[in-house]
Amino acid sequence: MRITQKLVGVSMLALMAGCSTLNSINPFASKPKSNLPVPLVELKGSMAVRTAWKLDIGKAQDYVFSPALVGSSVLVAGGDGAIARLDAASGKTLWRIKAGAPLSAGVGSDGSVVVVGAVKGVVMTFDMDGKPLWTAQASSEVLTAPVVGQGVVVVRTVDNRIVGFDALSGAKKWTVQRPSPPLTLRNAPGMVVAGKDVIVAQPGGKLLSLVLASGAPRWEIAVGESRGATELERVTDIGGTPVVIENDVCAVSYQGRVGCFDLATGTARWTKELSSDVGVAADQRSVFAVDEKGAVSAFNRDGGTSAWKNDKLGYRRLSTPVSYGRAVAVGDYQGFIHFLSREDGTFLARAATDGSAIAATPIVAGSNLIFQTQSGTVTAIAVE
């Protein structure tokens, strides 16, 4: 997850034991001049895009909030506790509430309940009209957006504990604890519901499939494998949220690999070397990934062969990409949205938001692409 800037965090055990300052081990703290963001050049786009609507939901503070699509509605949240349900087509606010506490993660929903994480590990749940249902106390900070499926709310905390709560009552149904490596990115490895299972991205570059009803593991695989002589060189956390499409689950890891895996067994269909701290996008034909240097790449989803690579957005701290129509769109640290051709990666168009970073995962909502900035602007871009 992008915070205000990328940081390497230390696991809770290492924090308790004490460690040197993060700046001394943070690969993002200072960049050589050659790693400065590439300036943008004037673009004569071949595709028309326009802003369909905007909404201010409040600054993300030190966290990242991604919009969630439920039917024809979009759910959004901000760091000061604001939660809203919007009409995806028009941006009309259907309701807006204050959660009563600053938030750290969200939004998760299955169309029946709305779930967010509040500071100090509090889990807050509301109905689809914004009325409070229940709260629960998690073991530590919640940075990953909760997910909901099969009547179960799944929450992951920074101490790598995964908990399933009954969606209606809030009763704890199961808990799964996984170890964390000594060093991890301070990120929010994502989760995605796939039928009766939930796929959980893990520190250490692993994907874990759990049965929603019981928390029982189906499989666990390594997307990226730790390599190197130092703990820093061995950091290989999953970037962003895994993507489920048909019988595949696709993901990418920092200092690791990008690839697609069999949804039922976890068996690798293909993997390629790539380092990224944000997620992938996938469609019927391709998987799109952004590497840590800012290059956007497309891979054939069936076999992983390289289709194209665009390196003209170097070090612009790009977001998770999103595929829509004939374009792949990605946001950057200045709030620009870049549209690339799905076929060859050439630039098609560019749109501006509010000038702040786009760290959240964008979503497709009908004919609109929806982006949320760190300053709290939710922008719907119509592709024409």
Protein backbone atom coordinates (compact mmCIF):
# COMPACT_ATOMS: atom_id res chain seq x y z
CA MET A 1 0.00 0.00 0.00
CA ARG A 2 1.16 3.53 -0.66
CA ILE A 3 1.01 5.58 2.51
CA THR A 4 1.98 9.26 2.09
CA GLN A 5 5.22 7.89 0.72
CA LYS A 6 6.48 4.33 0.43
CA LEU A 7 8.07 3.00 3.59
CA VAL A 8 9.52 -0.27 4.70
CA GLY A 9 7.91 -1.30 7.97
CA VAL A 10 9.19 -3.72 10.55
CA SER A 11 7.12 -6.63 11.84
CA MET A 12 5.64 -6.28 15.32
CA LEU A 13 8.13 -8.70 16.80
CA ALA A 14 11.05 -6.69 15.45
CA LEU A 15 9.50 -3.48 16.69
CA MET A 16 9.24 -4.88 20.19
CA ALA A 17 12.87 -5.98 20.06
CA GLY A 18 14.02 -2.61 18.75
CA CYS A 19 15.72 -1.76 15.49
CA SER A 20 17.66 0.91 13.67
CA THR A 21 15.85 3.86 12.13
CA LEU A 22 13.72 3.14 9.10
CA ASN A 23 15.54 5.71 7.02
CA SER A 24 18.67 3.63 7.15
CA ILE A 25 16.91 0.65 5.55
CA ASN A 26 14.23 2.41 3.52
CA PRO A 27 14.90 2.00 -0.22
CA PHE A 28 12.35 4.73 -0.99
CA ALA A 29 13.60 7.38 1.48
CA SER A 30 16.15 8.91 -0.88
CA LYS A 31 16.48 8.34 -4.58
CA PRO A 32 19.45 8.99 -6.82
CA LYS A 33 18.81 11.83 -9.25
CA SER A 34 18.45 9.26 -12.02
CA ASN A 35 15.36 7.96 -10.21
CA LEU A 36 13.51 11.26 -10.24
CA PRO A 37 9.98 11.06 -11.69
CA VAL A 38 9.91 11.41 -15.46
CA PRO A 39 8.33 14.75 -16.45
CA LEU A 40 5.20 14.56 -18.53
CA VAL A 41 5.23 15.70 -22.12
CA GLU A 42 2.33 17.19 -24.04
CA LEU A 43 0.02 14.44 -25.23
CA LYS A 44 -2.15 14.53 -28.31
CA GLY A 45 -4.52 11.78 -27.32
CA SER A 46 -6.46 9.63 -29.74
CA MET A 47 -9.19 8.77 -27.22
CA ALA A 48 -11.71 11.15 -25.64
CA VAL A 49 -12.07 11.06 -21.85
CA ARG A 50 -13.97 13.40 -19.57
CA THR A 51 -14.76 13.83 -15.90
CA ALA A 52 -18.28 12.51 -15.32
CA TRP A 53 -18.49 13.53 -11.65
CA LYS A 54 -16.43 14.26 -8.53
CA LEU A 55 -16.94 13.97 -4.78
CA ASP A 56 -14.79 14.96 -1.79
CA ILE A 57 -14.87 12.20 0.85
CA GLY A 58 -11.99 13.51 3.00
CA LYS A 59 -8.24 12.99 3.12
CA ALA A 60 -6.83 9.49 3.49
CA GLN A 61 -4.29 10.72 6.05
CA ASP A 62 -1.64 7.99 6.43
CA TYR A 63 -3.81 5.27 4.91
CA VAL A 64 -5.24 4.21 1.56
CA PHE A 65 -8.95 3.83 0.86
CA SER A 66 -10.22 2.16 -2.30
CA PRO A 67 -13.78 2.54 -3.60
CA ALA A 68 -15.96 -0.56 -3.76
CA LEU A 69 -18.61 -1.32 -6.37
CA VAL A 70 -21.88 -2.94 -5.27
CA GLY A 71 -24.44 -3.24 -8.05
CA SER A 72 -25.05 0.27 -9.35
CA SER A 73 -23.59 1.91 -6.23
CA VAL A 74 -20.08 2.93 -5.23
CA LEU A 75 -19.04 2.91 -1.57
CA VAL A 76 -16.23 5.25 -0.49
CA ALA A 77 -14.59 6.24 2.79
CA GLY A 78 -12.08 8.80 4.08
CA GLY A 79 -9.65 9.02 6.94
CA ASP A 80 -11.77 11.36 9.06
CA GLY A 81 -14.55 8.76 9.33
CA ALA A 82 -16.78 9.75 6.42
CA ILE A 83 -18.49 6.91 4.54
CA ALA A 84 -20.77 7.45 1.55
CA ARG A 85 -22.83 5.47 -0.91
CA LEU A 86 -23.04 7.00 -4.39
CA ASP A 87 -24.87 6.31 -7.59
CA ALA A 88 -22.10 5.03 -9.86
CA ALA A 89 -23.46 6.65 -13.01
CA SER A 90 -24.29 10.14 -11.74
CA GLY A 91 -22.24 10.45 -8.55
CA LYS A 92 -25.38 11.40 -6.61
CA THR A 93 -24.92 10.87 -2.88
CA LEU A 94 -27.46 8.29 -1.68
CA TRP A 95 -26.32 8.65 1.92
CA ARG A 96 -23.32 9.96 3.82
CA ILE A 97 -22.48 9.25 7.45
CA LYS A 98 -19.73 9.74 10.01
CA ALA A 99 -18.45 6.50 11.47
CA GLY A 100 -17.66 8.18 14.78
CA ALA A 101 -13.93 7.44 14.63
CA PRO A 102 -11.03 8.02 12.24
CA LEU A 103 -10.72 5.20 9.71
CA SER A 104 -7.72 3.17 8.54
CA ALA A 105 -9.15 0.81 5.89
CA GLY A 106 -12.13 0.20 3.65
CA VAL A 107 -14.50 -0.25 2.05
CA GLY A 108 -15.70 -3.87 2.01
CA SER A 109 -19.21 -4.99 1.08
CA ASP A 110 -21.24 -7.85 -0.36
CA GLY A 111 -24.33 -5.74 -1.01
CA SER A 112 -25.80 -6.54 2.43
CA VAL A 113 -23.29 -4.99 4.83
CA VAL A 114 -20.63 -2.26 4.64
CA VAL A 115 -17.39 -2.78 6.59
CA VAL A 116 -14.49 -0.46 7.40
CA GLY A 117 -11.49 -0.57 9.70
CA ALA A 118 -11.13 2.20 12.29
CA VAL A 119 -7.96 3.23 14.08
CA LYS A 120 -6.73 1.06 16.98
CA GLY A 121 -8.03 -2.08 15.28
CA VAL A 122 -11.77 -1.44 15.53
CA VAL A 123 -13.97 -3.09 12.90
CA MET A 124 -17.19 -1.20 12.13
CA THR A 125 -20.12 -2.58 10.17
CA PHE A 126 -23.20 -0.86 8.74
CA ASP A 127 -26.22 -1.90 6.71
CA MET A 128 -26.71 -0.72 3.14
CA ASP A 129 -28.62 2.34 4.40
CA GLY A 130 -25.67 3.42 6.52
CA LYS A 131 -27.13 2.35 9.87
CA PRO A 132 -24.67 0.84 12.39
CA LEU A 133 -24.86 -2.93 12.87
CA TRP A 134 -21.96 -3.97 15.10
CA THR A 135 -18.35 -3.27 16.03
CA ALA A 136 -15.56 -5.63 16.97
CA GLN A 137 -12.04 -5.25 18.32
CA ALA A 138 -9.25 -6.74 16.20
CA SER A 139 -5.86 -7.73 17.59
CA SER A 140 -3.96 -4.86 15.93
CA GLU A 141 -4.17 -2.16 13.26
CA VAL A 142 -6.35 -2.86 10.21
CA LEU A 143 -4.80 -1.58 6.97
CA THR A 144 -6.31 -4.05 4.52
CA ALA A 145 -9.86 -3.37 3.34
CA PRO A 146 -12.17 -6.03 4.86
CA VAL A 147 -14.06 -8.32 2.48
CA VAL A 148 -17.46 -9.98 2.81
CA GLY A 149 -18.70 -13.27 1.36
CA GLN A 150 -20.95 -16.19 2.29
CA GLY A 151 -22.21 -14.24 5.31
CA VAL A 152 -18.68 -13.80 6.70
CA VAL A 153 -16.70 -10.58 7.22
CA VAL A 154 -12.97 -11.24 6.84
CA VAL A 155 -10.47 -8.89 8.48
CA ARG A 156 -6.68 -8.98 8.25
CA THR A 157 -4.52 -7.11 10.78
CA VAL A 158 -0.89 -5.97 10.61
CA ASP A 159 0.22 -8.81 12.92
CA ASN A 160 -0.93 -11.12 10.09
CA ARG A 161 -3.96 -12.47 11.89
CA ILE A 162 -6.98 -13.21 9.66
CA VAL A 163 -10.36 -13.30 11.39
CA GLY A 164 -13.81 -14.27 10.14
CA PHE A 165 -16.83 -12.61 11.78
CA ASP A 166 -20.49 -13.42 11.28
CA ALA A 167 -21.72 -10.64 8.99
CA LEU A 168 -25.02 -10.13 10.83
CA SER A 169 -24.06 -10.56 14.49
CA GLY A 170 -20.35 -9.80 14.58
CA ALA A 171 -19.64 -13.06 16.41
CA LYS A 172 -16.14 -14.38 15.77
CA LYS A 173 -16.29 -17.55 13.68
CA TRP A 174 -12.62 -18.37 13.15
CA THR A 175 -9.06 -17.05 13.39
CA VAL A 176 -6.01 -17.91 11.28
CA GLN A 177 -2.54 -16.77 12.36
CA ARG A 178 0.37 -16.71 9.94
CA PRO A 179 3.99 -15.76 10.75
CA SER A 180 5.52 -12.58 9.35
CA PRO A 181 9.10 -12.16 8.17
CA PRO A 182 11.37 -9.78 10.14
CA LEU A 183 10.92 -7.00 7.56
CA THR A 184 7.83 -6.24 5.53
CA LEU A 185 6.57 -3.34 3.48
CA ARG A 186 4.16 -1.21 5.48
CA ASN A 187 1.42 -2.16 3.11
CA ALA A 188 -2.03 -3.65 3.00
CA PRO A 189 -1.84 -7.01 1.25
CA GLY A 190 -5.31 -7.34 -0.24
CA MET A 191 -8.02 -9.98 -0.08
CA VAL A 192 -10.60 -11.10 -2.61
CA VAL A 193 -13.64 -13.37 -2.29
CA ALA A 194 -13.81 -16.19 -4.82
CA GLY A 195 -17.00 -18.21 -4.43
CA LYS A 196 -16.84 -20.05 -1.10
CA ASP A 197 -13.22 -19.04 -0.50
CA VAL A 198 -11.20 -15.94 0.28
CA ILE A 199 -7.78 -15.39 -1.26
CA VAL A 200 -5.48 -13.51 1.11
CA ALA A 201 -2.22 -11.83 0.07
CA GLN A 202 0.50 -12.39 2.65
CA PRO A 203 3.82 -10.89 3.72
CA GLY A 204 6.71 -12.90 2.37
CA GLY A 205 5.19 -13.04 -1.10
CA LYS A 206 2.58 -15.72 -0.40
CA LEU A 207 -1.04 -16.26 -1.38
CA LEU A 208 -3.34 -18.13 0.98
CA SER A 209 -6.75 -19.59 0.10
CA LEU A 210 -9.16 -20.08 3.03
CA VAL A 211 -12.65 -21.55 3.22
CA LEU A 212 -14.96 -18.68 4.19
CA ALA A 213 -17.20 -20.80 6.38
CA SER A 214 -14.45 -22.24 8.59
CA GLY A 215 -11.12 -20.56 7.85
CA ALA A 216 -9.65 -23.91 6.82
CA PRO A 217 -6.78 -23.53 4.34
CA ARG A 218 -7.21 -24.88 0.82
CA TRP A 219 -3.75 -24.00 -0.43
CA GLU A 220 -0.81 -21.68 0.16
CA ILE A 221 1.73 -20.74 -2.50
CA ALA A 222 4.71 -18.43 -2.97
CA VAL A 223 4.36 -15.76 -5.66
CA GLY A 224 7.76 -14.31 -4.78
CA GLU A 225 10.55 -16.11 -2.97
CA SER A 226 12.97 -14.43 -0.57
CA ARG A 227 16.46 -14.04 -2.00
CA GLY A 228 19.54 -12.08 -1.02
CA ALA A 229 22.05 -11.75 1.79
CA THR A 230 20.18 -9.19 3.92
CA GLU A 231 16.68 -8.96 5.37
CA LEU A 232 16.03 -5.95 3.14
CA GLU A 233 16.98 -7.87 0.02
CA ARG A 234 14.64 -10.68 1.09
CA VAL A 235 11.52 -8.48 1.41
CA THR A 236 9.04 -9.90 -1.10
CA ASP A 237 5.52 -8.92 -0.04
CA ILE A 238 2.50 -9.26 -2.33
CA GLY A 239 1.67 -5.98 -4.05
CA GLY A 240 -1.96 -4.87 -3.81
CA THR A 241 -4.93 -7.20 -4.15
CA PRO A 242 -4.98 -10.47 -6.10
CA VAL A 243 -7.30 -10.53 -9.10
CA VAL A 244 -9.66 -13.45 -9.73
CA ILE A 245 -10.77 -13.97 -13.32
CA GLU A 246 -12.47 -17.17 -14.47
CA ASN A 247 -10.34 -20.04 -13.09
CA ASP A 248 -7.24 -17.91 -12.46
CA VAL A 249 -5.97 -15.83 -9.59
CA CYS A 250 -3.25 -13.41 -10.66
CA ALA A 251 -0.88 -11.47 -8.41
CA VAL A 252 2.51 -9.77 -8.19
CA SER A 253 5.09 -9.39 -5.43
CA TYR A 254 7.73 -6.84 -4.52
CA GLN A 255 11.21 -8.12 -5.43
CA GLY A 256 9.53 -11.23 -6.78
CA ARG A 257 7.31 -12.30 -9.64
CA VAL A 258 4.06 -11.68 -11.45
CA GLY A 259 1.94 -14.64 -12.44
CA CYS A 260 -1.37 -16.45 -12.64
CA PHE A 261 -2.31 -19.52 -10.61
CA ASP A 262 -5.05 -22.12 -10.67
CA LEU A 263 -7.86 -20.86 -8.45
CA ALA A 264 -8.78 -24.33 -7.15
CA THR A 265 -5.29 -25.69 -6.42
CA GLY A 266 -2.86 -22.77 -6.41
CA THR A 267 -0.76 -24.45 -9.10
CA ALA A 268 1.25 -21.92 -11.11
CA ARG A 269 0.08 -21.45 -14.69
CA TRP A 270 2.99 -19.08 -15.37
CA THR A 271 5.27 -16.62 -13.57
CA LYS A 272 7.67 -13.91 -14.70
CA GLU A 273 10.30 -11.95 -12.80
CA LEU A 274 8.91 -8.54 -11.80
CA SER A 275 8.97 -6.30 -8.73
CA SER A 276 5.93 -4.25 -7.75
CA ASP A 277 4.28 -2.96 -4.59
CA VAL A 278 0.89 -2.37 -6.26
CA GLY A 279 -1.56 -4.89 -7.69
CA VAL A 280 -2.25 -6.21 -11.16
CA ALA A 281 -5.16 -5.85 -13.56
CA ALA A 282 -6.45 -8.71 -15.68
CA ASP A 283 -8.96 -9.22 -18.47
CA GLN A 284 -9.85 -12.02 -20.85
CA ARG A 285 -6.55 -11.82 -22.74
CA SER A 286 -3.96 -10.00 -20.66
CA VAL A 287 -2.46 -9.30 -17.26
CA PHE A 288 -1.15 -5.78 -16.67
CA ALA A 289 1.48 -4.92 -14.06
CA VAL A 290 3.43 -1.84 -12.98
CA ASP A 291 6.99 -2.41 -11.81
CA GLU A 292 8.83 -0.46 -9.11
CA LYS A 293 10.53 1.71 -11.76
CA GLY A 294 7.20 2.85 -13.21
CA ALA A 295 7.11 0.70 -16.34
CA VAL A 296 3.71 -0.69 -17.35
CA SER A 297 3.80 -4.19 -18.87
CA ALA A 298 1.24 -6.46 -20.50
CA PHE A 299 1.47 -10.27 -20.42
CA ASN A 300 -0.59 -12.87 -22.22
CA ARG A 301 -2.91 -14.35 -19.58
CA ASP A 302 -2.72 -17.88 -20.99
CA GLY A 303 1.03 -18.31 -21.00
CA GLY A 304 2.65 -15.18 -19.63
CA THR A 305 4.42 -14.14 -22.83
CA SER A 306 5.26 -10.45 -22.96
CA ALA A 307 2.93 -8.38 -25.14
CA TRP A 308 4.36 -4.88 -24.61
CA LYS A 309 6.09 -2.56 -22.15
CA ASN A 310 5.75 1.21 -21.70
CA ASP A 311 8.55 2.81 -19.67
CA LYS A 312 7.62 6.45 -20.30
CA LEU A 313 6.16 6.96 -16.79
CA GLY A 314 9.33 6.17 -14.90
CA TYR A 315 9.31 6.67 -11.12
CA ARG A 316 5.93 8.40 -11.14
CA ARG A 317 4.73 6.13 -8.32
CA LEU A 318 1.99 4.53 -10.32
CA SER A 319 -1.18 2.96 -8.92
CA THR A 320 -2.60 -0.46 -9.63
CA PRO A 321 -3.73 -0.40 -13.29
CA VAL A 322 -7.28 -1.03 -14.47
CA SER A 323 -8.40 -2.44 -17.83
CA TYR A 324 -11.45 -1.06 -19.59
CA GLY A 325 -12.42 -1.27 -23.24
CA ARG A 326 -9.42 -0.59 -25.46
CA ALA A 327 -7.47 1.12 -22.68
CA VAL A 328 -5.44 0.39 -19.57
CA ALA A 329 -5.53 3.25 -17.08
CA VAL A 330 -3.12 4.00 -14.24
CA GLY A 331 -2.85 6.90 -11.78
CA ASP A 332 0.33 8.63 -10.58
CA TYR A 333 1.70 10.65 -7.65
CA GLN A 334 0.46 13.95 -9.08
CA GLY A 335 -3.09 12.75 -9.57
CA PHE A 336 -2.84 12.28 -13.32
CA ILE A 337 -4.59 9.32 -14.93
CA HIS A 338 -2.83 7.88 -17.96
CA PHE A 339 -4.66 5.84 -20.57
CA LEU A 340 -2.59 3.34 -22.56
CA SER A 341 -3.62 1.13 -25.46
CA ARG A 342 -4.37 -2.44 -24.44
CA GLU A 343 -2.93 -3.57 -27.76
CA ASP A 344 0.51 -1.96 -27.77
CA GLY A 345 0.87 0.27 -24.68
CA THR A 346 0.96 3.58 -26.55
CA PHE A 347 -0.59 6.63 -24.88
CA LEU A 348 -4.21 7.32 -25.72
CA ALA A 349 -5.24 10.07 -23.28
CA ARG A 350 -4.55 11.76 -19.96
CA ALA A 351 -6.84 13.22 -17.30
CA ALA A 352 -6.14 15.28 -14.16
CA THR A 353 -7.75 14.96 -10.74
CA ASP A 354 -6.77 17.11 -7.74
CA GLY A 355 -2.97 17.02 -7.88
CA SER A 356 -2.51 14.51 -5.06
CA ALA A 357 -1.34 10.92 -5.37
CA ILE A 358 -3.58 8.13 -6.58
CA ALA A 359 -2.67 5.16 -4.41
CA ALA A 360 -6.04 3.41 -4.25
CA THR A 361 -6.98 0.63 -6.63
CA PRO A 362 -9.29 2.06 -9.32
CA ILE A 363 -12.53 0.30 -10.26
CA VAL A 364 -14.76 -0.05 -13.30
CA ALA A 365 -18.35 1.06 -12.72
CA GLY A 366 -20.45 0.78 -15.85
CA SER A 367 -19.05 3.21 -18.40
CA ASN A 368 -16.97 5.03 -15.77
CA LEU A 369 -13.54 4.43 -14.27
CA ILE A 370 -13.43 5.56 -10.64
CA PHE A 371 -10.26 6.80 -8.92
CA GLN A 372 -9.76 8.04 -5.35
CA THR A 373 -6.86 10.34 -4.45
CA GLN A 374 -5.01 10.70 -1.17
CA SER A 375 -6.62 14.13 -0.71
CA GLY A 376 -10.01 12.45 -0.84
CA THR A 377 -11.32 13.33 -4.29
CA VAL A 378 -13.35 10.52 -5.83
CA THR A 379 -13.37 11.06 -9.60
CA ALA A 380 -15.36 9.21 -12.23
CA ILE A 381 -13.78 9.34 -15.68
CA ALA A 382 -15.98 8.51 -18.66
CA VAL A 383 -14.25 6.91 -21.61
CA GLU A 384 -15.86 7.90 -24.89
